[in-house]
N, C-alpha and C. Protein backbone atom coordinates (compact mmCIF):
# COMPACT_ATOMS: atom_id res chain seq x y z
N MET A 1 176.27 136.69 70.11
CA MET A 1 175.45 137.32 70.27
C MET A 1 175.61 138.35 68.89
N SER A 2 174.10 138.48 68.52
CA SER A 2 174.11 140.04 67.31
C SER A 2 174.16 141.36 67.28
N HIS A 3 174.70 142.05 67.59
CA HIS A 3 174.78 143.04 67.66
C HIS A 3 174.27 144.92 66.47
N ALA A 4 172.69 143.38 66.40
CA ALA A 4 171.95 144.72 65.32
C ALA A 4 171.88 145.75 65.65
N GLU A 5 171.59 146.51 64.58
CA GLU A 5 171.08 148.33 64.65
C GLU A 5 169.79 147.39 64.79
N LEU A 6 168.61 148.01 66.22
CA LEU A 6 167.07 148.44 66.06
C LEU A 6 166.81 149.60 65.54
N ARG A 7 165.79 149.51 64.94
CA ARG A 7 165.51 151.33 64.19
C ARG A 7 163.69 151.17 64.48
N PHE A 8 163.41 152.32 65.08
CA PHE A 8 161.72 152.83 65.26
C PHE A 8 161.58 154.11 65.62
N GLU A 9 159.94 153.72 65.90
CA GLU A 9 159.91 155.16 65.99
C GLU A 9 159.16 155.28 67.42
N ALA A 10 159.23 156.15 68.61
CA ALA A 10 158.53 156.39 69.77
C ALA A 10 158.47 157.83 69.97
N PRO A 11 157.75 157.74 70.84
CA PRO A 11 157.46 158.53 71.78
C PRO A 11 157.89 158.93 73.08
N ILE A 12 158.72 160.89 73.17
CA ILE A 12 159.34 160.42 74.45
C ILE A 12 158.41 160.59 75.86
N GLY A 13 158.53 159.71 76.64
CA GLY A 13 158.08 159.23 77.84
C GLY A 13 157.60 158.07 78.31
N VAL A 14 158.38 157.30 78.91
CA VAL A 14 158.18 156.00 79.88
C VAL A 14 157.09 155.86 81.44
N ASP A 15 156.06 155.31 81.51
CA ASP A 15 155.78 155.35 82.72
C ASP A 15 156.48 154.46 83.64
N VAL A 16 157.21 155.38 84.62
CA VAL A 16 157.64 154.44 85.40
C VAL A 16 157.11 154.87 87.05
N LYS A 17 156.81 153.23 87.73
CA LYS A 17 155.68 153.19 88.81
C LYS A 17 155.12 155.02 88.70
N GLY A 18 154.61 154.82 87.92
CA GLY A 18 152.81 156.44 87.81
C GLY A 18 153.63 157.71 87.71
N GLU A 19 155.17 158.02 87.27
CA GLU A 19 155.64 158.75 86.84
C GLU A 19 155.96 158.86 85.57
N ILE A 20 155.92 159.96 84.34
CA ILE A 20 156.62 159.60 83.19
C ILE A 20 157.91 160.72 83.23
N TRP A 21 158.61 159.60 83.00
CA TRP A 21 160.15 159.82 82.38
C TRP A 21 160.75 160.08 81.13
N PRO A 22 161.41 161.48 80.75
CA PRO A 22 162.00 161.81 79.42
C PRO A 22 162.71 160.68 79.29
N CYS A 23 161.95 159.08 78.69
CA CYS A 23 163.15 158.57 77.82
C CYS A 23 162.41 158.08 77.10
N VAL A 24 163.12 156.95 76.42
CA VAL A 24 162.41 156.40 74.73
C VAL A 24 162.57 154.89 75.23
N GLU A 25 161.41 153.96 75.30
CA GLU A 25 161.71 152.61 75.30
C GLU A 25 161.61 151.89 74.07
N ILE A 26 162.93 150.65 74.09
CA ILE A 26 163.31 150.46 72.97
C ILE A 26 162.54 149.17 72.75
N PRO A 27 161.59 148.64 71.77
CA PRO A 27 160.96 147.86 72.11
C PRO A 27 161.14 146.27 71.54
N GLY A 28 160.94 145.00 71.92
CA GLY A 28 161.33 143.66 72.09
C GLY A 28 163.21 143.70 72.10
N SER A 29 163.56 144.87 73.54
CA SER A 29 164.58 145.11 74.41
C SER A 29 165.48 143.87 74.63
N ALA A 30 165.04 143.37 75.01
CA ALA A 30 164.93 141.29 75.94
C ALA A 30 165.43 140.88 75.04
N ASP A 31 164.53 140.24 74.09
CA ASP A 31 165.07 139.28 72.60
C ASP A 31 166.06 139.56 71.91
N SER A 32 166.21 140.78 71.86
CA SER A 32 167.51 141.51 70.74
C SER A 32 168.75 141.98 71.10
N PHE A 33 168.22 141.78 73.01
CA PHE A 33 170.15 142.06 73.68
C PHE A 33 170.31 140.98 74.22
N GLY A 34 168.87 139.79 74.70
CA GLY A 34 169.62 138.50 74.76
C GLY A 34 169.58 139.10 76.81
N THR A 35 168.90 139.79 77.54
CA THR A 35 169.12 139.91 78.69
C THR A 35 168.08 141.05 78.68
N ARG A 36 167.43 141.25 80.54
CA ARG A 36 167.07 141.73 81.40
C ARG A 36 167.33 142.80 82.05
N LYS A 37 168.60 142.93 82.23
CA LYS A 37 169.84 143.98 82.47
C LYS A 37 169.96 144.74 81.30
N ALA A 38 170.32 146.35 82.65
CA ALA A 38 170.91 147.06 82.06
C ALA A 38 172.05 146.88 80.78
N VAL A 39 172.30 147.31 80.06
CA VAL A 39 173.65 147.43 78.70
C VAL A 39 173.51 148.66 78.44
N ARG A 40 175.03 148.66 77.68
CA ARG A 40 175.64 149.69 77.35
C ARG A 40 175.28 149.77 75.93
N VAL A 41 175.12 151.15 75.08
CA VAL A 41 174.25 151.02 73.61
C VAL A 41 174.75 152.24 73.19
N ASP A 42 174.68 152.54 72.05
CA ASP A 42 174.95 153.62 70.98
C ASP A 42 173.16 154.14 70.28
N VAL A 43 173.45 155.14 70.38
CA VAL A 43 172.05 155.76 70.16
C VAL A 43 171.97 156.80 69.39
N GLU A 44 171.24 156.85 68.31
CA GLU A 44 170.76 158.14 67.26
C GLU A 44 169.05 158.17 67.86
N VAL A 45 169.11 159.86 68.37
CA VAL A 45 168.02 159.89 68.35
C VAL A 45 167.34 160.91 67.25
N ASP A 46 166.90 160.90 66.36
CA ASP A 46 166.48 161.95 64.97
C ASP A 46 167.97 162.32 64.69
N ASP A 47 168.56 163.29 64.81
CA ASP A 47 169.81 163.62 63.80
C ASP A 47 170.95 163.67 65.41
N ILE A 48 170.78 163.53 66.42
CA ILE A 48 171.20 163.52 67.50
C ILE A 48 172.46 162.23 68.07
N ARG A 49 173.14 161.99 68.09
CA ARG A 49 174.31 160.63 68.56
C ARG A 49 174.59 160.79 69.80
N LEU A 50 174.44 159.75 70.40
CA LEU A 50 174.45 159.50 72.20
C LEU A 50 175.45 158.24 72.19
N GLU A 51 177.41 157.81 71.75
CA GLU A 51 177.16 156.86 71.96
C GLU A 51 177.36 156.58 74.01
N ASN A 52 178.05 155.19 73.84
CA ASN A 52 178.14 155.29 75.24
C ASN A 52 177.19 154.68 76.15
N VAL A 53 176.14 155.14 75.77
CA VAL A 53 175.06 155.32 77.06
C VAL A 53 174.29 153.91 77.99
N GLY A 54 173.57 154.39 78.66
CA GLY A 54 173.24 152.72 79.47
C GLY A 54 171.61 152.50 78.86
N ALA A 55 171.19 151.62 78.43
CA ALA A 55 170.20 151.14 78.60
C ALA A 55 169.39 150.55 79.87
N MET A 56 167.92 151.57 80.40
CA MET A 56 167.98 150.51 82.30
C MET A 56 166.70 149.97 81.40
N VAL A 57 166.61 149.04 82.53
CA VAL A 57 165.53 148.32 82.29
C VAL A 57 163.95 148.96 82.92
N THR A 58 163.20 149.20 82.57
CA THR A 58 162.00 149.41 82.25
C THR A 58 161.14 148.57 83.38
N GLY A 59 161.70 147.65 84.16
CA GLY A 59 160.72 147.48 85.23
C GLY A 59 159.73 146.28 84.68
N THR A 60 159.20 146.02 83.73
CA THR A 60 158.35 144.98 82.97
C THR A 60 159.36 144.34 81.63
N GLY A 61 160.96 144.28 82.04
CA GLY A 61 161.43 143.24 81.53
C GLY A 61 162.29 143.83 79.87
N GLY A 62 162.02 144.81 79.68
CA GLY A 62 162.56 146.19 78.28
C GLY A 62 163.16 146.69 78.96
N HIS A 63 163.98 147.80 77.70
CA HIS A 63 164.67 148.48 78.06
C HIS A 63 164.32 150.35 77.77
N MET A 64 165.04 150.70 78.50
CA MET A 64 164.70 152.73 77.76
C MET A 64 166.01 153.11 78.07
N VAL A 65 165.91 154.06 77.21
CA VAL A 65 167.16 154.90 77.05
C VAL A 65 166.90 156.42 77.23
N SER A 66 167.53 156.88 78.77
CA SER A 66 166.60 159.04 79.23
C SER A 66 167.51 159.67 77.83
N LEU A 67 166.73 160.82 77.76
CA LEU A 67 166.54 161.75 76.83
C LEU A 67 167.09 162.95 78.39
N ASN A 68 168.23 163.64 78.21
CA ASN A 68 167.93 164.67 79.26
C ASN A 68 167.36 166.03 78.62
N ALA A 69 167.92 166.61 79.41
CA ALA A 69 166.89 168.06 79.15
C ALA A 69 167.82 168.72 77.82
N LYS A 70 169.12 168.37 77.59
CA LYS A 70 169.97 168.92 76.52
C LYS A 70 169.94 168.42 75.62
N VAL A 71 169.23 167.28 75.24
CA VAL A 71 169.43 166.36 74.25
C VAL A 71 168.14 167.19 73.86
N ARG A 72 166.82 166.88 74.91
CA ARG A 72 165.36 167.29 74.47
C ARG A 72 164.98 169.14 73.74
N ARG A 73 166.14 169.61 74.52
CA ARG A 73 166.52 171.10 73.64
C ARG A 73 167.02 171.27 72.13
N GLN A 74 168.47 170.22 72.49
CA GLN A 74 168.55 170.10 70.49
C GLN A 74 167.72 169.12 69.82
N LEU A 75 166.79 168.39 70.06
CA LEU A 75 166.01 167.78 68.88
C LEU A 75 165.14 168.71 69.17
N GLY A 76 164.61 169.67 69.91
CA GLY A 76 163.87 170.34 69.71
C GLY A 76 162.19 169.84 70.25
N LYS A 77 162.31 168.77 70.91
CA LYS A 77 160.84 167.93 71.24
C LYS A 77 160.87 167.77 73.25
N ASP A 78 160.36 166.95 73.45
CA ASP A 78 159.63 166.80 74.89
C ASP A 78 158.81 166.08 75.17
N ILE A 79 158.38 165.58 76.02
CA ILE A 79 157.64 164.53 76.51
C ILE A 79 156.04 164.33 75.42
N GLY A 80 155.95 163.09 75.25
CA GLY A 80 155.02 162.74 73.92
C GLY A 80 155.48 163.24 72.87
N ASP A 81 156.36 163.86 72.59
CA ASP A 81 156.35 163.78 70.93
C ASP A 81 157.39 162.59 70.52
N VAL A 82 157.55 162.32 68.97
CA VAL A 82 157.79 160.70 68.85
C VAL A 82 158.95 161.42 68.21
N VAL A 83 160.15 160.69 68.24
CA VAL A 83 161.16 160.38 67.51
C VAL A 83 161.62 159.60 67.19
N ARG A 84 163.02 159.87 66.16
CA ARG A 84 162.79 158.31 65.43
C ARG A 84 164.36 158.07 65.88
N VAL A 85 164.48 156.74 66.13
CA VAL A 85 165.07 156.05 67.46
C VAL A 85 166.53 154.75 66.67
N ALA A 86 167.54 154.83 66.19
CA ALA A 86 168.45 153.68 66.56
C ALA A 86 168.97 153.01 66.71
N VAL A 87 168.75 151.69 67.56
CA VAL A 87 169.92 151.49 69.85
C VAL A 87 170.98 150.28 68.35
N THR A 88 172.04 150.10 68.84
CA THR A 88 173.05 149.53 68.76
C THR A 88 173.48 148.89 70.21
N ARG A 89 173.88 147.78 70.51
CA ARG A 89 174.50 147.40 71.69
C ARG A 89 175.75 147.33 71.29
N ARG A 90 176.74 147.91 72.04
CA ARG A 90 177.91 148.29 72.12
C ARG A 90 178.76 146.97 72.78
């Protein structure tokens, strides 16, 4: 299995059963990770590095990473704002 880095831009906010969660969806993640189950990843969002975090399943076959209030404050961004993301599976 390859642990290649995925790079993309995405808005903060994922629709989960009609609620918008403060997460970033990882495009093509099921194919890249080789699974539709939760995985551990290292993530860089703009200039903030998050190590060994869980990439949760979205319910539609992909994965998402949660950005808590502290991280969003550090970024100066909130739901709807676009961030640059780099993800590597651990």
